[in-house]
Protein backbone atom coordinates (compact mmCIF):
# COMPACT_ATOMS: atom_id res chain seq x y z
CA UNK A 1 138.83 181.33 308.73
CA UNK A 2 139.75 179.69 312.06
CA UNK A 3 139.18 175.97 312.30
CA UNK A 4 136.20 174.74 314.32
CA UNK A 5 137.59 172.27 316.78
CA UNK A 6 135.85 170.64 319.71
CA UNK A 7 137.10 172.28 322.95
CA UNK A 8 138.09 168.86 324.36
CA UNK A 9 140.42 168.28 321.39
CA UNK A 10 141.76 171.83 321.47
CA UNK A 11 142.64 171.38 325.14
CA UNK A 12 144.88 168.38 324.52
CA UNK A 13 148.64 168.72 324.53
CA UNK A 14 150.41 166.52 321.92
CA UNK A 15 152.41 163.61 323.36
CA UNK A 16 156.09 164.47 323.27
CA UNK A 17 158.34 161.46 322.75
CA UNK A 18 161.95 161.36 323.93
CA UNK A 19 164.43 163.14 321.68
CA UNK A 20 166.01 160.76 319.14
CA UNK A 21 169.72 160.09 319.58
CA UNK A 22 170.72 161.22 316.08
CA UNK A 23 168.83 164.51 316.47
CA UNK A 24 170.54 165.25 319.79
CA UNK A 25 173.95 164.46 318.33
CA UNK A 26 173.29 166.74 315.34
CA UNK A 27 171.87 169.62 317.41
CA UNK A 28 174.57 169.70 320.08
CA UNK A 29 177.47 168.13 318.24
CA UNK A 30 177.76 165.34 320.81
CA UNK A 31 178.98 161.94 319.63
CA UNK A 32 177.76 158.61 321.05
CA UNK A 33 174.75 159.97 322.99
CA UNK A 34 172.75 157.46 325.04
CA UNK A 35 168.95 157.35 325.32
CA UNK A 36 167.50 156.36 328.68
CA UNK A 37 164.12 158.05 328.21
CA UNK A 38 161.61 155.62 326.74
CA UNK A 39 161.87 152.44 328.82
CA UNK A 40 163.14 150.40 325.85
CA UNK A 41 165.03 147.11 326.20
CA UNK A 42 168.70 148.10 325.63
CA UNK A 43 169.57 144.55 324.55
CA UNK A 44 167.25 144.95 321.54
CA UNK A 45 164.93 142.35 320.07
CA UNK A 46 165.25 138.58 320.34
CA UNK A 47 167.64 137.16 317.73
CA UNK A 48 164.79 134.84 316.78
CA UNK A 49 162.56 137.81 316.03
CA UNK A 50 165.24 139.47 313.93
CA UNK A 51 165.75 136.26 311.96
CA UNK A 52 162.13 136.14 310.78
CA UNK A 53 162.04 139.76 309.65
CA UNK A 54 164.30 139.27 306.64
CA UNK A 55 162.10 136.44 305.41
CA UNK A 56 158.91 138.34 306.13
CA UNK A 57 160.10 141.41 304.20
CA UNK A 58 159.48 139.57 300.93
CA UNK A 59 155.73 139.45 301.60
CA UNK A 60 155.17 143.16 302.24
CA UNK A 61 153.06 143.51 299.11
CA UNK A 62 150.39 141.43 300.89
CA UNK A 63 148.10 142.64 303.63
CA UNK A 64 148.70 141.05 307.01
CA UNK A 65 146.47 138.39 308.50
CA UNK A 66 143.62 140.63 309.67
CA UNK A 67 142.72 138.21 312.46
CA UNK A 68 146.33 137.53 313.51
CA UNK A 69 145.29 133.93 313.97
CA UNK A 70 148.70 132.38 314.71
CA UNK A 71 149.78 135.01 317.23
CA UNK A 72 146.40 135.07 318.96
CA UNK A 73 146.46 131.29 319.18
CA UNK A 74 149.95 131.34 320.68
CA UNK A 75 148.97 133.93 323.26
CA UNK A 76 145.76 132.04 324.07
CA UNK A 77 147.78 128.85 324.61
CA UNK A 78 150.27 130.61 326.86
CA UNK A 79 147.62 132.21 329.07
CA UNK A 80 145.07 129.38 328.91
CA UNK A 81 142.24 131.42 327.46
CA UNK A 82 140.29 131.12 324.21
CA UNK A 83 141.69 132.73 321.10
CA UNK A 84 138.65 134.99 320.85
CA UNK A 85 139.57 136.41 324.26
CA UNK A 86 142.75 137.92 322.75
CA UNK A 87 142.82 141.23 320.84
CA UNK A 88 145.89 142.79 319.21
CA UNK A 89 146.68 146.44 318.77
CA UNK A 90 149.14 148.77 317.18
CA UNK A 91 150.77 148.92 320.58
CA UNK A 92 148.60 148.41 323.66
CA UNK A 93 147.90 152.18 323.31
CA UNK A 94 145.54 151.40 320.46
CA UNK A 95 143.56 148.98 322.60
CA UNK A 96 143.15 151.68 325.27
CA UNK A 97 141.67 153.90 322.54
CA UNK A 98 139.34 151.11 321.41
CA UNK A 99 138.12 150.56 324.99
CA UNK A 100 137.36 154.23 325.38
CA UNK A 101 135.55 154.51 322.06
CA UNK A 102 133.52 151.35 322.66
CA UNK A 103 132.42 151.96 326.25
CA UNK A 104 132.37 155.71 326.89
CA UNK A 105 129.77 158.15 325.67
CA UNK A 106 130.21 161.91 326.17
CA UNK A 107 130.05 162.70 329.88
CA UNK A 108 130.83 159.16 331.02
CA UNK A 109 133.71 158.79 333.47
CA UNK A 110 136.99 156.89 333.64
CA UNK A 111 138.87 156.64 336.92
CA UNK A 112 142.69 156.80 336.87
CA UNK A 113 145.65 157.90 338.98
CA UNK A 114 146.97 161.43 338.70
CA UNK A 115 150.52 160.37 337.82
CA UNK A 116 150.15 157.48 335.41
CA UNK A 117 150.30 156.63 331.70
CA UNK A 118 149.26 159.85 329.95
CA UNK A 119 147.38 158.03 327.15
CA UNK A 120 144.41 157.20 329.44
CA UNK A 121 143.45 160.83 330.00
CA UNK A 122 144.25 161.77 326.38
CA UNK A 123 141.93 159.09 324.98
CA UNK A 124 139.13 159.81 327.46
CA UNK A 125 139.31 163.52 326.71
CA UNK A 126 139.29 162.90 322.94
CA UNK A 127 136.13 160.82 323.40
CA UNK A 128 134.56 163.73 325.35
CA UNK A 129 134.49 161.70 328.54
CA UNK A 130 135.46 162.84 332.03
CA UNK A 131 138.73 161.73 333.63
CA UNK A 132 138.31 161.25 337.35
CA UNK A 133 141.88 161.62 338.63
CA UNK A 134 142.84 160.16 342.03
CA UNK A 135 146.16 161.22 343.65
CA UNK A 136 148.84 158.64 344.25
CA UNK A 137 149.64 157.76 347.83
CA UNK A 138 153.35 157.48 348.59
CA UNK A 139 153.95 157.11 344.86
CA UNK A 140 151.49 154.23 344.55
CA UNK A 141 147.95 153.82 343.25
CA UNK A 142 145.47 154.48 346.05
CA UNK A 143 143.02 151.73 345.12
CA UNK A 144 140.58 152.31 348.01
CA UNK A 145 140.28 155.97 346.95
CA UNK A 146 139.86 154.95 343.32
CA UNK A 147 137.06 152.57 344.28
CA UNK A 148 135.49 155.41 346.27
CA UNK A 149 135.67 157.66 343.18
CA UNK A 150 133.44 155.32 341.15
CA UNK A 151 130.00 156.80 340.39
CA UNK A 152 127.00 155.62 338.33
CA UNK A 153 128.65 157.38 335.34
CA UNK A 154 131.91 155.38 335.65
CA UNK A 155 132.54 153.01 332.78
CA UNK A 156 136.32 152.36 332.98
CA UNK A 157 138.93 152.22 335.72
CA UNK A 158 142.61 152.13 334.75
CA UNK A 159 145.31 150.53 336.92
CA UNK A 160 148.80 150.83 335.45
CA UNK A 161 150.73 148.07 337.20
CA UNK A 162 153.69 148.54 337.55
CA UNK A 163 152.88 152.21 337.20
CA UNK A 164 154.48 154.45 334.63
CA UNK A 165 156.19 156.78 335.53
CA UNK A 166 156.75 155.76 339.15
CA UNK A 167 157.58 152.06 338.75
CA UNK A 168 155.55 151.14 341.83
CA UNK A 169 153.02 148.31 341.94
CA UNK A 170 149.80 147.36 343.63
CA UNK A 171 149.63 143.99 345.37
CA UNK A 172 147.37 141.01 344.86
CA UNK A 173 145.53 141.75 348.10
CA UNK A 174 144.97 145.36 347.06
CA UNK A 175 143.70 144.31 343.62
CA UNK A 176 141.34 141.78 345.18
CA UNK A 177 139.88 144.43 347.45
CA UNK A 178 139.43 146.78 344.49
CA UNK A 179 137.59 144.11 342.46
CA UNK A 180 135.35 143.34 345.43
CA UNK A 181 134.32 147.00 345.70
CA UNK A 182 133.96 148.04 342.04
CA UNK A 183 130.50 147.47 340.53
CA UNK A 184 130.46 144.59 338.07
CA UNK A 185 129.47 146.82 335.13
CA UNK A 186 132.69 148.87 335.43
CA UNK A 187 135.51 147.58 333.23
CA UNK A 188 138.77 147.45 335.19
CA UNK A 189 141.80 147.73 332.91
CA UNK A 190 145.07 146.33 334.28
CA UNK A 191 147.78 147.81 332.10
CA UNK A 192 150.79 145.55 332.61
CA UNK A 193 153.30 146.72 330.02
CA UNK A 194 156.20 145.91 332.34
CA UNK A 195 154.78 142.58 333.56
CA UNK A 196 157.81 140.52 332.51
CA UNK A 197 160.19 142.65 334.61
CA UNK A 198 158.29 142.17 337.89
CA UNK A 199 160.17 140.40 340.70
CA UNK A 200 157.71 140.69 343.59
CA UNK A 201 155.74 137.65 344.59
CA UNK A 202 152.90 139.94 345.69
CA UNK A 203 152.10 140.99 342.14
CA UNK A 204 148.46 140.22 341.33
CA UNK A 205 147.27 137.49 338.97
CA UNK A 206 144.96 139.89 337.20
CA UNK A 207 144.20 137.38 334.48
CA UNK A 208 142.30 135.42 337.11
CA UNK A 209 139.57 138.06 337.03
CA UNK A 210 139.16 137.56 333.31
CA UNK A 211 138.88 133.80 333.77
CA UNK A 212 136.24 134.37 336.42
CA UNK A 213 134.17 136.23 333.84
CA UNK A 214 134.65 139.65 335.44
CA UNK A 215 134.67 142.79 333.30
CA UNK A 216 138.44 143.06 333.37
CA UNK A 217 141.05 143.66 330.69
CA UNK A 218 144.74 142.76 330.99
CA UNK A 219 146.99 144.71 328.63
CA UNK A 220 150.52 143.61 327.79
CA UNK A 221 153.00 144.46 325.09
CA UNK A 222 155.91 143.36 322.94
CA UNK A 223 157.42 146.86 323.14
CA UNK A 224 159.23 146.48 326.45
CA UNK A 225 161.12 143.34 327.47
CA UNK A 226 160.61 141.78 324.03
CA UNK A 227 162.36 144.79 322.41
CA UNK A 228 159.88 145.30 319.56
CA UNK A 229 158.89 148.90 320.31
CA UNK A 230 159.54 149.95 316.74
CA UNK A 231 157.04 147.45 315.34
CA UNK A 232 154.23 148.61 317.64
CA UNK A 233 152.36 145.53 318.78
CA UNK A 234 150.51 144.95 322.03
CA UNK A 235 147.66 142.72 323.13
CA UNK A 236 144.73 142.52 325.49
CA UNK A 237 143.27 139.49 327.31
CA UNK A 238 139.61 139.83 328.31
CA UNK A 239 136.15 138.34 327.95
CA UNK A 240 134.61 137.32 324.66
CA UNK A 241 131.93 139.94 325.11
CA UNK A 242 134.47 142.76 325.44
CA UNK A 243 136.64 141.59 322.53
CA UNK A 244 133.46 141.30 320.47
CA UNK A 245 132.70 144.97 320.91
CA UNK A 246 136.35 146.02 320.41
CA UNK A 247 136.56 144.10 317.13
CA UNK A 248 133.55 146.04 315.81
CA UNK A 249 135.66 149.22 315.79
CA UNK A 250 139.16 147.78 315.44
CA UNK A 251 140.69 148.93 312.15
CA UNK A 252 141.32 146.19 309.60
CA UNK A 253 144.92 144.94 309.52
CA UNK A 254 145.88 147.03 312.56
CA UNK A 255 148.65 144.55 313.51
CA UNK A 256 151.14 144.62 310.62
CA UNK A 257 152.67 141.45 309.20
CA UNK A 258 156.23 142.11 310.39
CA UNK A 259 155.02 142.78 313.92
CA UNK A 260 152.91 139.61 314.00
CA UNK A 261 155.75 137.34 312.83
CA UNK A 262 158.40 138.99 315.02
CA UNK A 263 156.15 138.82 318.06
CA UNK A 264 155.41 135.17 317.50
CA UNK A 265 159.18 134.43 317.36
CA UNK A 266 159.94 136.62 320.34
CA UNK A 267 157.28 134.89 322.41
CA UNK A 268 159.16 131.63 322.02
CA UNK A 269 162.54 133.06 323.06
CA UNK A 270 162.44 132.60 326.82
CA UNK A 271 166.23 132.82 327.01
CA UNK A 272 166.26 136.37 325.71
CA UNK A 273 163.50 137.39 328.12
CA UNK A 274 165.41 135.85 331.04
CA UNK A 275 168.66 137.56 330.00
CA UNK A 276 166.89 140.93 329.69
CA UNK A 277 165.24 140.51 333.09
CA UNK A 278 168.47 139.50 334.79
CA UNK A 279 170.46 142.41 333.36
CA UNK A 280 167.73 144.86 334.33
CA UNK A 281 167.71 143.56 337.91
CA UNK A 282 171.50 143.78 338.28
CA UNK A 283 171.83 147.19 336.63
CA UNK A 284 168.83 148.68 338.43
CA UNK A 285 170.47 147.86 341.75
CA UNK A 286 173.66 149.58 340.57
CA UNK A 287 171.87 152.68 339.29
CA UNK A 288 169.78 152.90 342.44
CA UNK A 289 172.94 152.74 344.57
CA UNK A 290 174.53 155.41 342.42
CA UNK A 291 171.51 157.72 342.76
CA UNK A 292 171.41 157.19 346.54
CA UNK A 293 175.12 158.04 346.72
CA UNK A 294 174.28 161.32 345.01
CA UNK A 295 171.64 162.07 347.64
CA UNK A 296 168.47 160.93 345.85
CA UNK A 297 165.83 158.44 346.94
CA UNK A 298 164.31 156.63 343.94
CA UNK A 299 160.91 155.04 344.47
CA UNK A 300 160.78 151.23 344.60
CA UNK A 301 160.43 149.96 341.03
CA UNK A 302 159.18 146.69 339.57
CA UNK A 303 159.73 147.94 336.01
CA UNK A 304 162.86 148.84 333.99
CA UNK A 305 163.13 152.44 335.12
CA UNK A 306 163.58 154.56 338.24
CA UNK A 307 161.66 157.65 339.29
CA UNK A 308 163.17 160.19 341.66
CA UNK A 309 163.02 163.75 342.95
CA UNK A 310 166.13 165.66 341.91
CA UNK A 311 165.53 168.31 344.56
CA UNK A 312 165.64 171.23 342.13
CA UNK A 313 164.17 172.26 338.82
CA UNK A 314 164.04 168.98 336.93
CA UNK A 315 163.93 170.63 333.54
CA UNK A 316 167.26 172.36 334.20
CA UNK A 317 168.85 169.02 335.14
CA UNK A 318 167.27 167.35 332.09
CA UNK A 319 168.68 170.04 329.75
CA UNK A 320 172.11 169.82 331.36
CA UNK A 321 172.17 166.05 330.90
CA UNK A 322 171.26 166.52 327.21
CA UNK A 323 174.43 168.59 326.82
CA UNK A 324 176.32 165.70 328.37
CA UNK A 325 174.81 163.37 325.71
CA UNK A 326 172.38 161.61 328.05
CA UNK A 327 168.67 161.59 327.23
CA UNK A 328 166.34 160.92 330.16
CA UNK A 329 162.69 161.89 330.85
CA UNK A 330 161.62 164.99 332.76
CA UNK A 331 158.15 164.23 334.12
CA UNK A 332 157.22 167.43 335.99
CA UNK A 333 158.70 169.80 338.54
CA UNK A 334 161.69 168.12 340.19
CA UNK A 335 160.75 164.58 339.05
CA UNK A 336 162.91 162.64 336.62
CA UNK A 337 162.58 159.14 335.19
CA UNK A 338 165.59 157.15 333.94
CA UNK A 339 165.45 153.91 332.00
CA UNK A 340 167.85 151.18 333.00
CA UNK A 341 170.30 150.73 330.09
CA UNK A 342 173.38 148.73 329.30
CA UNK A 343 176.16 148.80 331.94
CA UNK A 344 178.20 151.36 330.00
CA UNK A 345 175.11 153.54 329.44
CA UNK A 346 174.28 153.52 333.14
CA UNK A 347 177.84 154.46 334.01
CA UNK A 348 177.56 157.34 331.55
CA UNK A 349 174.32 158.47 333.19
CA UNK A 350 175.74 158.47 336.73
CA UNK A 351 178.95 160.22 335.68
CA UNK A 352 176.98 162.86 333.75
CA UNK A 353 174.57 163.43 336.62
CA UNK A 354 177.49 163.80 339.04
CA UNK A 355 179.09 166.40 336.73
CA UNK A 356 175.82 168.34 336.37
CA UNK A 357 175.32 168.44 340.13
CA UNK A 358 178.90 169.50 340.73
CA UNK A 359 178.39 172.53 338.49
CA UNK A 360 175.27 173.37 340.47
């Protein structure tokens, strides 16, 4: 007999991660492939984080600290909030899911951009809510239009800043205008996974809204600049009331013990963060110049990736680059996203792209 599945769930398309390097090498017989698809830190984790993992491995027979007290205290101290204003997740993705489950009932709405982190729409659909999708404007969130899209059924509004996949950001002035227009009972979620890469002085201090007692959530992660993507740990900073509701449905022990200890060590390694940021800035400028030389115009990026129109079928270019041993991300149509890698990886990307274009 056919399974009885809710139409909202049946309509979802599974998230497709970037192809693993070893699988590509095995399938195509290509040695030394490079992966520039998932916005990972090519320098890897902090040496301090790696050092604690060997010691922590001996305690894996024990459940982790379910309240993650040490890590939450460290984050609270860094951001000058109370520890009960911090919530951890199995990646910040999990916190997005908790927010949707806690605050949306079937038919409620969540406002988001049309080209942004795909998990927002996936979680809202899975909760039988309605995603109100607002087009980007020149590759950026159109916050006035998003504010206009709010209705009495709106419960959540997502702002991915810098935005994935475009890399663009909204400014402090734009965020202030949004918060002035959005009703106070709407929770505004500022998803700042790439916060530590940002160079612009116009980037908003979104945590200020939390400290003002607004219904705002700031999401950040240890998966990007801290290089702990494989351990899956992210965090949210918000009001006590919101964390109180999220903790009612948060799974016990959702932040594993290795992740907690590695994140705590990584948080203290400012040198590694600075080194990662500096390399990204230098290499992004080089990759951007290389793409411009090939005739492309990448969007301005405050993250660790570039988004550009390849001017032809993007899937064809993506597949051709795979055969060159370079894994990037095809978003849709002619649009590609490339992560900034190590210098030698970026050289490999530009050389491969040049060869693909030469062959037509």
